[in-house]
Structure formats: C-alpha cells, structure tokens
Amino acid sequence: MTLEFISTPRLDSPCIKVCTLDAGRMCTGCGRTLDEIATWSRMSPEQRQAVCALAADRLNAQRAHAAAR
C-alpha cells in the first residue's frame, strides 16, 4: 500500500507578532478578529485567503480613519 500526498497550497498566518486587540476584538497587527485567529489552524486555504483579504481591508480602513483625524 502506498500513500499519496495531495499538495495543497499553504497560506501562512498573517501574524506579524504585534498581538494587540482593539475594542472591536480586532488585532491591530494583522487585522484578524479574535475568532479568526482562534480558528485559523482549522480553516481551509480558501477560507484563509478570504480572511486575509478581509483583514487587509480592516487594516486599511483603520489607517484611513486614523489619518483623517
């Protein structure tokens, strides 16, 4: 019996080791929510890509809001 491994693209965590949550429970370093951070290891590559896109949007919105002050 031989085992075949299916290669799936791995999406590394967007964590940049600045783990600080804001009042909305979003990490100010990577932009993920606490729930997204907690479930990251169980997400499919597609789910991880979607979370990364949402996190980038959140960080961009946060920076734009801060710049507008």
N, C-alpha and C. Protein backbone atom coordinates (compact mmCIF):
# COMPACT_ATOMS: atom_id res chain seq x y z
N MET A 1 0.86 -1.18 0.00
CA MET A 1 0.00 0.00 0.00
C MET A 1 0.90 1.24 0.00
N THR A 2 0.61 2.14 -0.88
CA THR A 2 1.37 3.39 -0.94
C THR A 2 0.47 4.54 -0.57
N LEU A 3 1.07 5.50 0.04
CA LEU A 3 0.32 6.71 0.41
C LEU A 3 0.66 7.80 -0.58
N GLU A 4 -0.34 8.48 -1.04
CA GLU A 4 -0.13 9.62 -1.92
C GLU A 4 -0.54 10.88 -1.17
N PHE A 5 0.32 11.84 -1.22
CA PHE A 5 0.02 13.11 -0.56
C PHE A 5 -0.40 14.12 -1.61
N ILE A 6 -1.51 14.72 -1.37
CA ILE A 6 -2.00 15.75 -2.28
C ILE A 6 -1.43 17.08 -1.82
N SER A 7 -0.79 17.74 -2.71
CA SER A 7 -0.19 19.03 -2.37
C SER A 7 -1.25 20.12 -2.45
N THR A 8 -1.44 20.78 -1.34
CA THR A 8 -2.35 21.93 -1.33
C THR A 8 -1.55 23.15 -0.93
N PRO A 9 -1.83 24.27 -1.55
CA PRO A 9 -1.07 25.47 -1.19
C PRO A 9 -1.31 25.83 0.27
N ARG A 10 -0.24 26.14 0.94
CA ARG A 10 -0.33 26.51 2.35
C ARG A 10 -0.26 28.02 2.46
N LEU A 11 -1.17 28.57 3.19
CA LEU A 11 -1.18 30.01 3.40
C LEU A 11 -0.76 30.27 4.84
N ASP A 12 0.43 30.83 4.99
CA ASP A 12 0.94 31.11 6.32
C ASP A 12 0.10 32.18 7.00
N SER A 13 0.18 32.17 8.29
CA SER A 13 -0.54 33.15 9.10
C SER A 13 -0.05 34.56 8.78
N PRO A 14 -0.97 35.53 8.74
CA PRO A 14 -0.57 36.91 8.51
C PRO A 14 -0.04 37.59 9.78
N CYS A 15 0.10 36.83 10.84
CA CYS A 15 0.56 37.39 12.11
C CYS A 15 1.93 38.04 11.96
N ILE A 16 2.07 39.25 12.49
CA ILE A 16 3.36 39.94 12.45
C ILE A 16 3.90 40.15 13.86
N LYS A 17 3.37 39.39 14.80
CA LYS A 17 3.82 39.39 16.20
C LYS A 17 3.57 40.72 16.91
N VAL A 18 2.50 41.40 16.52
CA VAL A 18 2.04 42.61 17.20
C VAL A 18 0.61 42.30 17.66
N CYS A 19 0.52 41.43 18.62
CA CYS A 19 -0.77 40.89 19.03
C CYS A 19 -1.44 41.77 20.09
N THR A 20 -2.17 42.76 19.61
CA THR A 20 -2.91 43.66 20.47
C THR A 20 -4.31 43.81 19.90
N LEU A 21 -5.31 43.53 20.72
CA LEU A 21 -6.69 43.64 20.25
C LEU A 21 -7.26 45.01 20.57
N ASP A 22 -8.00 45.57 19.62
CA ASP A 22 -8.66 46.84 19.87
C ASP A 22 -10.02 46.57 20.52
N ALA A 23 -10.81 47.61 20.70
CA ALA A 23 -12.11 47.47 21.36
C ALA A 23 -13.06 46.57 20.59
N GLY A 24 -12.86 46.47 19.28
CA GLY A 24 -13.71 45.62 18.45
C GLY A 24 -13.20 44.19 18.34
N ARG A 25 -12.20 43.82 19.15
CA ARG A 25 -11.60 42.49 19.16
C ARG A 25 -10.90 42.16 17.85
N MET A 26 -10.30 43.19 17.23
CA MET A 26 -9.50 43.02 16.03
C MET A 26 -8.04 43.24 16.39
N CYS A 27 -7.18 42.38 15.88
CA CYS A 27 -5.75 42.54 16.13
C CYS A 27 -5.24 43.74 15.34
N THR A 28 -4.56 44.63 16.02
CA THR A 28 -4.05 45.83 15.34
C THR A 28 -2.80 45.52 14.52
N GLY A 29 -2.25 44.33 14.68
CA GLY A 29 -1.08 43.93 13.90
C GLY A 29 -1.44 43.31 12.57
N CYS A 30 -2.35 42.31 12.59
CA CYS A 30 -2.67 41.58 11.36
C CYS A 30 -4.07 41.86 10.83
N GLY A 31 -4.93 42.44 11.64
CA GLY A 31 -6.27 42.78 11.17
C GLY A 31 -7.31 41.68 11.33
N ARG A 32 -6.89 40.52 11.85
CA ARG A 32 -7.86 39.44 12.04
C ARG A 32 -8.63 39.65 13.35
N THR A 33 -9.83 39.10 13.39
CA THR A 33 -10.61 39.14 14.62
C THR A 33 -10.13 38.02 15.54
N LEU A 34 -10.52 38.10 16.79
CA LEU A 34 -10.13 37.07 17.75
C LEU A 34 -10.63 35.70 17.29
N ASP A 35 -11.86 35.64 16.79
CA ASP A 35 -12.41 34.37 16.31
C ASP A 35 -11.62 33.83 15.13
N GLU A 36 -11.20 34.71 14.22
CA GLU A 36 -10.42 34.28 13.06
C GLU A 36 -9.05 33.75 13.49
N ILE A 37 -8.46 34.39 14.47
CA ILE A 37 -7.17 33.93 14.98
C ILE A 37 -7.33 32.55 15.61
N ALA A 38 -8.37 32.38 16.40
CA ALA A 38 -8.60 31.13 17.12
C ALA A 38 -8.88 29.95 16.19
N THR A 39 -9.53 30.21 15.05
CA THR A 39 -9.91 29.11 14.15
C THR A 39 -8.97 28.97 12.95
N TRP A 40 -7.93 29.78 12.87
CA TRP A 40 -7.02 29.79 11.72
C TRP A 40 -6.50 28.40 11.35
N SER A 41 -6.07 27.65 12.33
CA SER A 41 -5.45 26.34 12.04
C SER A 41 -6.44 25.33 11.48
N ARG A 42 -7.73 25.57 11.63
CA ARG A 42 -8.74 24.65 11.12
C ARG A 42 -9.38 25.14 9.83
N MET A 43 -8.94 26.28 9.32
CA MET A 43 -9.51 26.83 8.09
C MET A 43 -8.90 26.19 6.85
N SER A 44 -9.70 26.13 5.80
CA SER A 44 -9.20 25.67 4.50
C SER A 44 -8.36 26.79 3.88
N PRO A 45 -7.55 26.48 2.88
CA PRO A 45 -6.79 27.54 2.21
C PRO A 45 -7.69 28.65 1.66
N GLU A 46 -8.86 28.28 1.16
CA GLU A 46 -9.78 29.27 0.62
C GLU A 46 -10.30 30.19 1.72
N GLN A 47 -10.61 29.61 2.87
CA GLN A 47 -11.08 30.40 4.00
C GLN A 47 -9.98 31.34 4.48
N ARG A 48 -8.75 30.84 4.51
CA ARG A 48 -7.63 31.67 4.93
C ARG A 48 -7.41 32.84 3.98
N GLN A 49 -7.53 32.59 2.69
CA GLN A 49 -7.40 33.68 1.71
C GLN A 49 -8.47 34.73 1.93
N ALA A 50 -9.69 34.29 2.19
CA ALA A 50 -10.80 35.22 2.42
C ALA A 50 -10.54 36.05 3.68
N VAL A 51 -10.06 35.40 4.74
CA VAL A 51 -9.77 36.11 5.98
C VAL A 51 -8.66 37.12 5.76
N CYS A 52 -7.62 36.74 5.01
CA CYS A 52 -6.52 37.68 4.74
C CYS A 52 -7.02 38.90 3.99
N ALA A 53 -7.92 38.71 3.03
CA ALA A 53 -8.47 39.84 2.28
C ALA A 53 -9.29 40.75 3.21
N LEU A 54 -10.13 40.15 4.04
CA LEU A 54 -10.92 40.94 4.99
C LEU A 54 -10.02 41.68 5.98
N ALA A 55 -9.00 40.99 6.46
CA ALA A 55 -8.08 41.61 7.43
C ALA A 55 -7.36 42.80 6.81
N ALA A 56 -6.93 42.67 5.56
CA ALA A 56 -6.26 43.78 4.88
C ALA A 56 -7.21 44.96 4.73
N ASP A 57 -8.47 44.67 4.38
CA ASP A 57 -9.47 45.74 4.27
C ASP A 57 -9.68 46.43 5.61
N ARG A 58 -9.73 45.65 6.68
CA ARG A 58 -9.92 46.24 8.01
C ARG A 58 -8.75 47.15 8.39
N LEU A 59 -7.53 46.67 8.14
CA LEU A 59 -6.36 47.48 8.48
C LEU A 59 -6.32 48.76 7.65
N ASN A 60 -6.64 48.66 6.36
CA ASN A 60 -6.66 49.85 5.51
C ASN A 60 -7.71 50.85 5.99
N ALA A 61 -8.88 50.37 6.37
CA ALA A 61 -9.94 51.25 6.88
C ALA A 61 -9.50 51.90 8.19
N GLN A 62 -8.87 51.12 9.04
CA GLN A 62 -8.39 51.64 10.32
C GLN A 62 -7.34 52.74 10.10
N ARG A 63 -6.43 52.51 9.18
CA ARG A 63 -5.38 53.50 8.90
C ARG A 63 -5.96 54.75 8.26
N ALA A 64 -6.92 54.59 7.37
CA ALA A 64 -7.57 55.74 6.74
C ALA A 64 -8.32 56.57 7.77
N HIS A 65 -8.97 55.88 8.69
CA HIS A 65 -9.71 56.58 9.76
C HIS A 65 -8.74 57.35 10.65
N ALA A 66 -7.63 56.74 10.97
CA ALA A 66 -6.63 57.39 11.84
C ALA A 66 -6.00 58.59 11.13
N ALA A 67 -5.79 58.48 9.82
CA ALA A 67 -5.18 59.58 9.06
C ALA A 67 -6.15 60.75 8.91
N ALA A 68 -7.44 60.47 8.95
CA ALA A 68 -8.45 61.51 8.78
C ALA A 68 -8.65 62.32 10.05
N ARG A 69 -8.12 61.88 11.14
CA ARG A 69 -8.30 62.60 12.42
C ARG A 69 -7.49 63.85 12.47
